[in-house]
Amino acid sequence: MDLIIREKTNVLVVKTVTQGLYYMLRANFVKILRIPDKAGTVRDVLDKFQNLGEITTPME
Protein backbone atom coordinates (compact mmCIF):
# COMPACT_ATOMS: atom_id res chain seq x y z
CA MET A 1 0.00 0.00 0.00
CA ASP A 2 2.93 2.32 0.64
CA LEU A 3 3.76 2.22 -3.07
CA ILE A 4 0.27 3.38 -4.01
CA ILE A 5 0.51 6.32 -1.63
CA ARG A 6 4.14 7.11 -2.51
CA GLU A 7 3.35 7.18 -6.25
CA LYS A 8 0.49 9.62 -5.58
CA THR A 9 -2.13 7.32 -7.09
CA ASN A 10 -5.47 9.10 -7.43
CA VAL A 11 -7.72 6.17 -8.46
CA LEU A 12 -7.67 2.51 -7.42
CA VAL A 13 -9.98 -0.16 -8.88
CA VAL A 14 -10.72 -3.10 -6.56
CA LYS A 15 -13.34 -5.77 -5.83
CA THR A 16 -13.33 -5.15 -2.07
CA VAL A 17 -11.55 -2.92 0.42
CA THR A 18 -11.11 -3.43 4.16
CA GLN A 19 -11.91 -0.73 6.68
CA GLY A 20 -8.28 0.14 7.50
CA LEU A 21 -7.26 0.26 3.86
CA TYR A 22 -10.33 2.29 2.93
CA TYR A 23 -9.56 5.02 5.45
CA MET A 24 -5.85 5.08 4.53
CA LEU A 25 -6.68 5.53 0.85
CA ARG A 26 -9.34 8.17 1.50
CA ALA A 27 -6.99 10.09 3.81
CA ASN A 28 -4.58 10.26 0.87
CA PHE A 29 -7.28 11.40 -1.57
CA VAL A 30 -7.42 8.14 -3.53
CA LYS A 31 -10.75 7.51 -5.27
CA ILE A 32 -11.76 3.84 -4.90
CA LEU A 33 -13.76 2.26 -7.72
CA ARG A 34 -15.50 -1.12 -7.58
CA ILE A 35 -14.73 -3.87 -10.10
CA PRO A 36 -18.08 -5.33 -11.23
CA ASP A 37 -18.77 -8.93 -10.20
CA LYS A 38 -19.25 -9.94 -13.83
CA ALA A 39 -15.92 -8.49 -14.99
CA GLY A 40 -13.95 -11.47 -16.23
CA THR A 41 -10.83 -9.78 -17.56
CA VAL A 42 -8.85 -6.59 -17.22
CA ARG A 43 -10.20 -5.64 -20.65
CA ASP A 44 -13.76 -5.92 -19.28
CA VAL A 45 -12.87 -3.53 -16.45
CA LEU A 46 -11.13 -1.07 -18.78
CA ASP A 47 -14.06 -1.09 -21.18
CA LYS A 48 -16.40 -0.14 -18.30
CA PHE A 49 -14.00 2.22 -16.51
CA GLN A 50 -16.11 5.35 -17.07
CA ASN A 51 -19.14 3.64 -15.52
CA LEU A 52 -17.55 2.00 -12.47
CA GLY A 53 -19.18 2.82 -9.16
CA GLU A 54 -17.23 4.50 -6.39
CA ILE A 55 -16.81 2.69 -3.08
CA THR A 56 -17.94 5.18 -0.44
CA THR A 57 -17.84 2.97 2.67
CA PRO A 58 -15.46 0.22 3.80
CA MET A 59 -16.43 -3.36 3.08
CA GLU A 60 -16.11 -6.36 5.38
C-alpha atoms as a PDB file:
ATOM      1  CA  MET A   1       0.000   0.000   0.000  1.00  0.00           C
ATOM      2  CA  ASP A   2       2.926   2.323   0.640  1.00  0.00           C
ATOM      3  CA  LEU A   3       3.759   2.218  -3.073  1.00  0.00           C
ATOM      4  CA  ILE A   4       0.267   3.376  -4.011  1.00  0.00           C
ATOM      5  CA  ILE A   5       0.515   6.321  -1.626  1.00  0.00           C
ATOM      6  CA  ARG A   6       4.139   7.112  -2.509  1.00  0.00           C
ATOM      7  CA  GLU A   7       3.352   7.177  -6.249  1.00  0.00           C
ATOM      8  CA  LYS A   8       0.491   9.619  -5.584  1.00  0.00           C
ATOM      9  CA  THR A   9      -2.127   7.322  -7.094  1.00  0.00           C
ATOM     10  CA  ASN A  10      -5.474   9.097  -7.426  1.00  0.00           C
ATOM     11  CA  VAL A  11      -7.721   6.165  -8.461  1.00  0.00           C
ATOM     12  CA  LEU A  12      -7.672   2.509  -7.419  1.00  0.00           C
ATOM     13  CA  VAL A  13      -9.978  -0.156  -8.882  1.00  0.00           C
ATOM     14  CA  VAL A  14     -10.724  -3.103  -6.558  1.00  0.00           C
ATOM     15  CA  LYS A  15     -13.340  -5.771  -5.832  1.00  0.00           C
ATOM     16  CA  THR A  16     -13.326  -5.147  -2.067  1.00  0.00           C
ATOM     17  CA  VAL A  17     -11.548  -2.924   0.422  1.00  0.00           C
ATOM     18  CA  THR A  18     -11.109  -3.431   4.162  1.00  0.00           C
ATOM     19  CA  GLN A  19     -11.906  -0.729   6.680  1.00  0.00           C
ATOM     20  CA  GLY A  20      -8.283   0.141   7.502  1.00  0.00           C
ATOM     21  CA  LEU A  21      -7.261   0.265   3.863  1.00  0.00           C
ATOM     22  CA  TYR A  22     -10.335   2.287   2.934  1.00  0.00           C
ATOM     23  CA  TYR A  23      -9.559   5.016   5.450  1.00  0.00           C
ATOM     24  CA  MET A  24      -5.854   5.081   4.529  1.00  0.00           C
ATOM     25  CA  LEU A  25      -6.684   5.526   0.847  1.00  0.00           C
ATOM     26  CA  ARG A  26      -9.342   8.169   1.499  1.00  0.00           C
ATOM     27  CA  ALA A  27      -6.989  10.091   3.810  1.00  0.00           C
ATOM     28  CA  ASN A  28      -4.575  10.257   0.871  1.00  0.00           C
ATOM     29  CA  PHE A  29      -7.284  11.404  -1.568  1.00  0.00           C
ATOM     30  CA  VAL A  30      -7.417   8.135  -3.530  1.00  0.00           C
ATOM     31  CA  LYS A  31     -10.755   7.508  -5.268  1.00  0.00           C
ATOM     32  CA  ILE A  32     -11.761   3.838  -4.898  1.00  0.00           C
ATOM     33  CA  LEU A  33     -13.765   2.259  -7.718  1.00  0.00           C
ATOM     34  CA  ARG A  34     -15.496  -1.122  -7.579  1.00  0.00           C
ATOM     35  CA  ILE A  35     -14.733  -3.873 -10.099  1.00  0.00           C
ATOM     36  CA  PRO A  36     -18.082  -5.329 -11.226  1.00  0.00           C
ATOM     37  CA  ASP A  37     -18.773  -8.925 -10.199  1.00  0.00           C
ATOM     38  CA  LYS A  38     -19.252  -9.938 -13.827  1.00  0.00           C
ATOM     39  CA  ALA A  39     -15.920  -8.490 -14.994  1.00  0.00           C
ATOM     40  CA  GLY A  40     -13.950 -11.474 -16.227  1.00  0.00           C
ATOM     41  CA  THR A  41     -10.827  -9.782 -17.556  1.00  0.00           C
ATOM     42  CA  VAL A  42      -8.847  -6.594 -17.219  1.00  0.00           C
ATOM     43  CA  ARG A  43     -10.195  -5.638 -20.655  1.00  0.00           C
ATOM     44  CA  ASP A  44     -13.763  -5.924 -19.279  1.00  0.00           C
ATOM     45  CA  VAL A  45     -12.866  -3.527 -16.454  1.00  0.00           C
ATOM     46  CA  LEU A  46     -11.126  -1.069 -18.780  1.00  0.00           C
ATOM     47  CA  ASP A  47     -14.063  -1.095 -21.179  1.00  0.00           C
ATOM     48  CA  LYS A  48     -16.397  -0.145 -18.304  1.00  0.00           C
ATOM     49  CA  PHE A  49     -14.002   2.220 -16.506  1.00  0.00           C
ATOM     50  CA  GLN A  50     -16.114   5.355 -17.066  1.00  0.00           C
ATOM     51  CA  ASN A  51     -19.141   3.644 -15.518  1.00  0.00           C
ATOM     52  CA  LEU A  52     -17.553   1.995 -12.474  1.00  0.00           C
ATOM     53  CA  GLY A  53     -19.184   2.819  -9.161  1.00  0.00           C
ATOM     54  CA  GLU A  54     -17.230   4.500  -6.385  1.00  0.00           C
ATOM     55  CA  ILE A  55     -16.812   2.688  -3.081  1.00  0.00           C
ATOM     56  CA  THR A  56     -17.944   5.179  -0.443  1.00  0.00           C
ATOM     57  CA  THR A  57     -17.840   2.972   2.666  1.00  0.00           C
ATOM     58  CA  PRO A  58     -15.457   0.221   3.799  1.00  0.00           C
ATOM     59  CA  MET A  59     -16.429  -3.360   3.075  1.00  0.00           C
ATOM     60  CA  GLU A  60     -16.113  -6.362   5.379  1.00  0.00           C
END
